[in-house]
Amino acid sequence: MANNARRKDDAGADTPLFDRELEHLPPALRWREWMARVEAVIFAASEPVSRETLLRVVGRDCNVDLLIEDIRAELADRPYELVHVAGGWQHRTRPSLAEAIRAAFGIVQQGENLSDTDALVLMAVAYFQPITRAELSRFFAREVSRDVIGKLRRADFIASGPRSPQPGAPYTYVTTTAFLAHFGFETLRDLPDFEKLEDAGLLNKERLLEDIPGVVSHGWGG
C-alpha cells in the first residue's frame, strides 16, 4: 500500500511526504529504486555521503551495506566506482585512469605542489595530532615555518584543533576530512602503523631529515 501521508507546505497547501518505504512496489523493484536513489545522492554530492544521509531516502528495513555492494557490483566494468572514505561514500574514477584524465584536461594532480618538506610535516601532524607548531619544531629539532603550515591549511589538509593546555594556550593542528578523502582513508585508524613503518625500515625521521634539504626554516621566531 502506497504511503499517502501528506503535509502542509509554507503556503498551507497539501503536499505528499517523501515515500521512503515504497510499499506499493514489489520487493525487486523497491530494491532497484533504493539503489537508484542512493547512487543519485552520492553522485550529486561534492563530498563523501554519510550513512545517516543515505538512510533518509530508503526504507527502514533497507540494508545500506548490501545496497552499496549491489551498486558496486554493477559498476565493476565501469571507469568509476564507489569508495568508502572519510566516513562516507563517494563516486571516484578508478585510479588506473587518473593519468588519462589528467592528460585530457591538463590537470595538475592535487598534492603534486607539496614539497618533501610539506609532506613530512603533514605526516607528523597526521600521526601526532593534535600538535602545536612548537611541538612540530621540537620534533624536527628546528623551527617549522609558518609558510609550511599555511600551505597545508590552504590545501585543506590540516586545520586548527583545540587549544593546547601549554602556557599561552597555542593552537594545535589536526588533519581534515579532505585529508582523509584525498589519501583514501576512511578514518585515521587506516594510517599505516608508525612503529611498524620504523621497524620495517620504511620510515626513519633522522634519515629523512638528512635527505631533505631545507626541511625547516632556521631560527626560532614566534
Protein backbone atom coordinates (compact mmCIF):
# COMPACT_ATOMS: atom_id res chain seq x y z
CA MET A 1 0.00 0.00 0.00
CA ALA A 2 1.44 3.36 -1.04
CA ASN A 3 2.38 5.97 1.52
CA ASN A 4 -0.26 8.66 1.03
CA ALA A 5 0.67 10.79 4.03
CA ARG A 6 0.63 14.50 3.36
CA ARG A 7 1.92 17.66 4.99
CA LYS A 8 1.26 21.36 4.73
CA ASP A 9 3.77 23.43 2.79
CA ASP A 10 4.61 27.06 3.55
CA ALA A 11 1.58 28.23 1.60
CA GLY A 12 -0.74 25.92 3.51
CA ALA A 13 -1.30 23.53 0.60
CA ASP A 14 -1.23 19.76 0.99
CA THR A 15 1.90 18.09 -0.42
CA PRO A 16 2.77 14.40 -0.30
CA LEU A 17 5.52 13.30 2.09
CA PHE A 18 8.58 11.67 0.57
CA ASP A 19 7.87 7.95 0.30
CA ARG A 20 10.86 6.10 1.69
CA GLU A 21 9.20 2.73 2.15
CA LEU A 22 7.79 2.20 -1.38
CA GLU A 23 5.45 -0.48 -0.04
CA HIS A 24 3.36 -0.36 -3.23
CA LEU A 25 6.26 -1.80 -5.25
CA PRO A 26 7.24 -5.47 -5.49
CA PRO A 27 10.41 -6.21 -3.48
CA ALA A 28 12.69 -6.41 -6.52
CA LEU A 29 11.52 -3.09 -7.93
CA ARG A 30 11.68 -1.49 -4.48
CA TRP A 31 15.32 -2.56 -4.14
CA ARG A 32 16.15 -1.18 -7.58
CA GLU A 33 14.57 2.16 -6.71
CA TRP A 34 16.51 2.35 -3.45
CA MET A 35 19.71 1.59 -5.37
CA ALA A 36 18.94 4.38 -7.82
CA ARG A 37 18.24 6.83 -5.03
CA VAL A 38 21.41 6.03 -3.12
CA GLU A 39 23.60 6.22 -6.22
CA ALA A 40 21.98 9.51 -7.27
CA VAL A 41 22.58 11.08 -3.84
CA ILE A 42 26.23 10.02 -3.84
CA PHE A 43 26.69 11.17 -7.43
CA ALA A 44 25.22 14.60 -6.68
CA ALA A 45 27.32 15.19 -3.56
CA SER A 46 30.60 17.10 -3.63
CA GLU A 47 31.96 15.22 -0.60
CA PRO A 48 31.59 11.73 0.92
CA VAL A 49 27.99 10.96 1.88
CA SER A 50 27.35 9.54 5.33
CA ARG A 51 25.19 6.56 6.18
CA GLU A 52 22.80 8.88 8.04
CA THR A 53 22.20 10.86 4.87
CA LEU A 54 21.56 7.75 2.77
CA LEU A 55 19.08 6.41 5.32
CA ARG A 56 16.84 9.40 4.56
CA VAL A 57 15.99 8.06 1.11
CA VAL A 58 15.48 4.33 1.76
CA GLY A 59 13.07 2.28 3.83
CA ARG A 60 13.52 1.39 7.46
CA ASP A 61 14.33 -2.23 6.65
CA CYS A 62 16.84 -1.44 3.90
CA ASN A 63 20.37 -2.75 4.46
CA VAL A 64 22.54 0.07 3.10
CA ASP A 65 25.69 -2.06 3.09
CA LEU A 66 24.08 -4.71 0.89
CA LEU A 67 22.67 -1.97 -1.31
CA ILE A 68 26.14 -0.47 -1.77
CA GLU A 69 27.53 -3.92 -2.58
CA ASP A 70 24.97 -4.33 -5.36
CA ILE A 71 25.79 -0.90 -6.77
CA ARG A 72 29.50 -1.68 -6.70
CA ALA A 73 28.87 -4.97 -8.50
CA GLU A 74 27.04 -3.13 -11.28
CA LEU A 75 29.93 -0.67 -11.58
CA ALA A 76 32.55 -3.43 -11.79
CA ASP A 77 33.15 -2.85 -15.52
CA ARG A 78 32.72 0.91 -15.41
CA PRO A 79 35.53 3.52 -15.24
CA TYR A 80 34.23 4.79 -11.90
CA GLU A 81 33.42 3.17 -8.57
CA LEU A 82 32.01 3.79 -5.09
CA VAL A 83 34.62 4.13 -2.38
CA HIS A 84 34.23 4.48 1.37
CA VAL A 85 36.40 7.35 2.57
CA ALA A 86 36.27 9.95 5.34
CA GLY A 87 33.27 8.27 6.98
CA GLY A 88 31.07 8.20 3.87
CA TRP A 89 30.69 7.00 0.30
CA GLN A 90 31.89 8.84 -2.79
CA HIS A 91 31.96 8.32 -6.57
CA ARG A 92 35.51 8.25 -7.91
CA THR A 93 37.10 7.40 -11.21
CA ARG A 94 39.33 4.37 -11.00
CA PRO A 95 42.97 5.11 -10.09
CA SER A 96 44.19 3.32 -13.23
CA LEU A 97 42.57 6.06 -15.34
CA ALA A 98 43.97 9.04 -13.41
CA GLU A 99 46.81 9.67 -15.86
CA ALA A 100 44.45 9.65 -18.85
CA ILE A 101 42.10 12.13 -17.17
CA ARG A 102 44.95 14.49 -16.25
CA ALA A 103 46.33 14.30 -19.78
CA ALA A 104 42.95 15.01 -21.36
CA PHE A 105 42.20 18.10 -19.29
CA GLY A 106 45.70 19.32 -18.44
CA ILE A 107 45.05 18.77 -14.74
CA VAL A 108 47.87 19.05 -12.25
CA GLN A 109 47.28 16.38 -9.64
CA GLN A 110 46.25 17.80 -6.27
CA GLY A 111 49.09 17.48 -3.85
CA GLU A 112 51.83 17.47 -6.52
CA ASN A 113 52.74 21.01 -5.44
CA LEU A 114 53.54 19.75 -1.94
CA SER A 115 57.28 19.60 -1.40
CA ASP A 116 59.01 16.88 0.57
CA THR A 117 59.09 19.35 3.44
CA ASP A 118 55.33 19.85 3.31
CA ALA A 119 54.67 16.12 3.07
CA LEU A 120 56.89 15.35 6.04
CA VAL A 121 55.20 17.97 8.22
CA LEU A 122 51.78 16.70 7.11
CA MET A 123 52.81 13.18 8.07
CA ALA A 124 53.84 14.39 11.53
CA VAL A 125 50.51 16.15 12.04
CA ALA A 126 48.62 13.05 10.90
CA TYR A 127 50.39 10.75 13.34
CA PHE A 128 50.73 13.03 16.36
CA GLN A 129 47.65 15.29 16.22
CA PRO A 130 46.60 17.44 17.92
CA ILE A 131 50.04 19.03 17.77
CA THR A 132 51.27 22.62 18.04
CA ARG A 133 53.78 24.29 15.73
CA ALA A 134 56.25 24.43 18.63
CA GLU A 135 55.86 20.67 19.14
CA LEU A 136 56.42 20.11 15.43
CA SER A 137 59.54 22.24 15.68
CA ARG A 138 60.82 20.16 18.60
CA PHE A 139 60.07 17.02 16.61
CA PHE A 140 62.27 18.25 13.74
CA ALA A 141 64.82 19.93 16.07
CA ARG A 142 64.35 23.18 14.11
CA GLU A 143 61.50 25.59 13.63
CA VAL A 144 58.73 24.56 11.26
CA SER A 145 57.90 27.71 9.31
CA ARG A 146 54.50 29.38 9.22
CA ASP A 147 54.70 29.14 5.41
CA VAL A 148 54.60 25.34 5.58
CA ILE A 149 51.66 25.39 7.98
CA GLY A 150 49.86 27.94 5.79
CA LYS A 151 50.38 25.87 2.66
CA LEU A 152 48.91 22.76 4.29
CA ARG A 153 45.97 24.80 5.55
CA ARG A 154 45.30 26.25 2.08
CA ALA A 155 45.35 22.73 0.67
CA ASP A 156 42.69 21.89 3.29
CA PHE A 157 44.82 19.04 4.60
CA ILE A 158 45.12 20.49 8.13
CA ALA A 159 43.04 22.83 10.28
CA SER A 160 43.18 24.39 13.72
CA GLY A 161 42.47 21.97 16.52
CA PRO A 162 41.76 22.57 20.20
CA ARG A 163 43.87 24.97 22.19
CA SER A 164 46.84 23.33 23.88
CA PRO A 165 46.95 23.33 27.73
CA GLN A 166 50.50 24.68 27.47
CA PRO A 167 51.26 28.24 28.65
CA GLY A 168 49.74 30.72 26.22
CA ALA A 169 47.21 28.12 25.01
CA PRO A 170 48.64 27.86 21.48
CA TYR A 171 46.53 26.40 18.70
CA THR A 172 47.07 22.79 17.75
CA TYR A 173 46.77 21.38 14.25
CA VAL A 174 44.78 18.37 13.09
CA THR A 175 44.11 16.73 9.75
CA THR A 176 40.81 17.30 7.95
CA THR A 177 38.14 15.26 6.23
CA ALA A 178 39.65 16.44 2.95
CA PHE A 179 42.95 14.84 4.01
CA LEU A 180 41.20 11.51 4.59
CA ALA A 181 39.31 11.72 1.30
CA HIS A 182 42.37 12.72 -0.76
CA PHE A 183 44.54 9.89 0.55
CA GLY A 184 41.74 7.32 0.55
CA PHE A 185 41.46 6.76 4.30
CA GLU A 186 38.11 6.02 5.91
CA THR A 187 39.39 7.10 9.34
CA LEU A 188 42.75 7.91 10.92
CA ARG A 189 42.87 4.31 12.11
CA ASP A 190 43.67 3.43 8.49
CA LEU A 191 47.03 5.22 8.66
CA PRO A 192 49.93 2.75 8.45
CA ASP A 193 51.20 1.84 11.89
CA PHE A 194 54.04 4.27 12.66
CA GLU A 195 56.12 1.84 14.71
CA LYS A 196 55.74 -0.88 12.09
CA LEU A 197 56.97 1.52 9.41
CA GLU A 198 60.04 2.26 11.53
CA ASP A 199 60.63 -1.42 12.32
CA ALA A 200 60.40 -2.27 8.61
CA GLY A 201 62.96 0.41 7.81
CA LEU A 202 60.46 2.34 5.69
CA LEU A 203 60.41 5.38 7.93
CA ASN A 204 63.29 6.96 9.78
CA LYS A 205 62.95 10.54 10.93
CA GLU A 206 66.68 11.23 11.17
CA ARG A 207 67.38 9.80 7.71
CA LEU A 208 64.51 11.75 6.20
CA LEU A 209 65.74 14.97 7.73
CA GLU A 210 69.21 14.34 6.32
CA ASP A 211 67.85 13.62 2.85
CA ILE A 212 65.51 16.60 2.60
CA PRO A 213 67.31 19.94 2.28
CA GLY A 214 65.59 22.93 3.83
CA VAL A 215 63.10 20.84 5.74
CA VAL A 216 62.57 23.68 8.20
CA SER A 217 63.50 27.31 8.44
CA HIS A 218 66.39 28.34 10.64
CA GLY A 219 65.77 30.37 13.77
CA TRP A 220 63.16 30.18 16.49
CA GLY A 221 60.99 33.19 15.78
CA GLY A 222 57.49 33.22 17.22
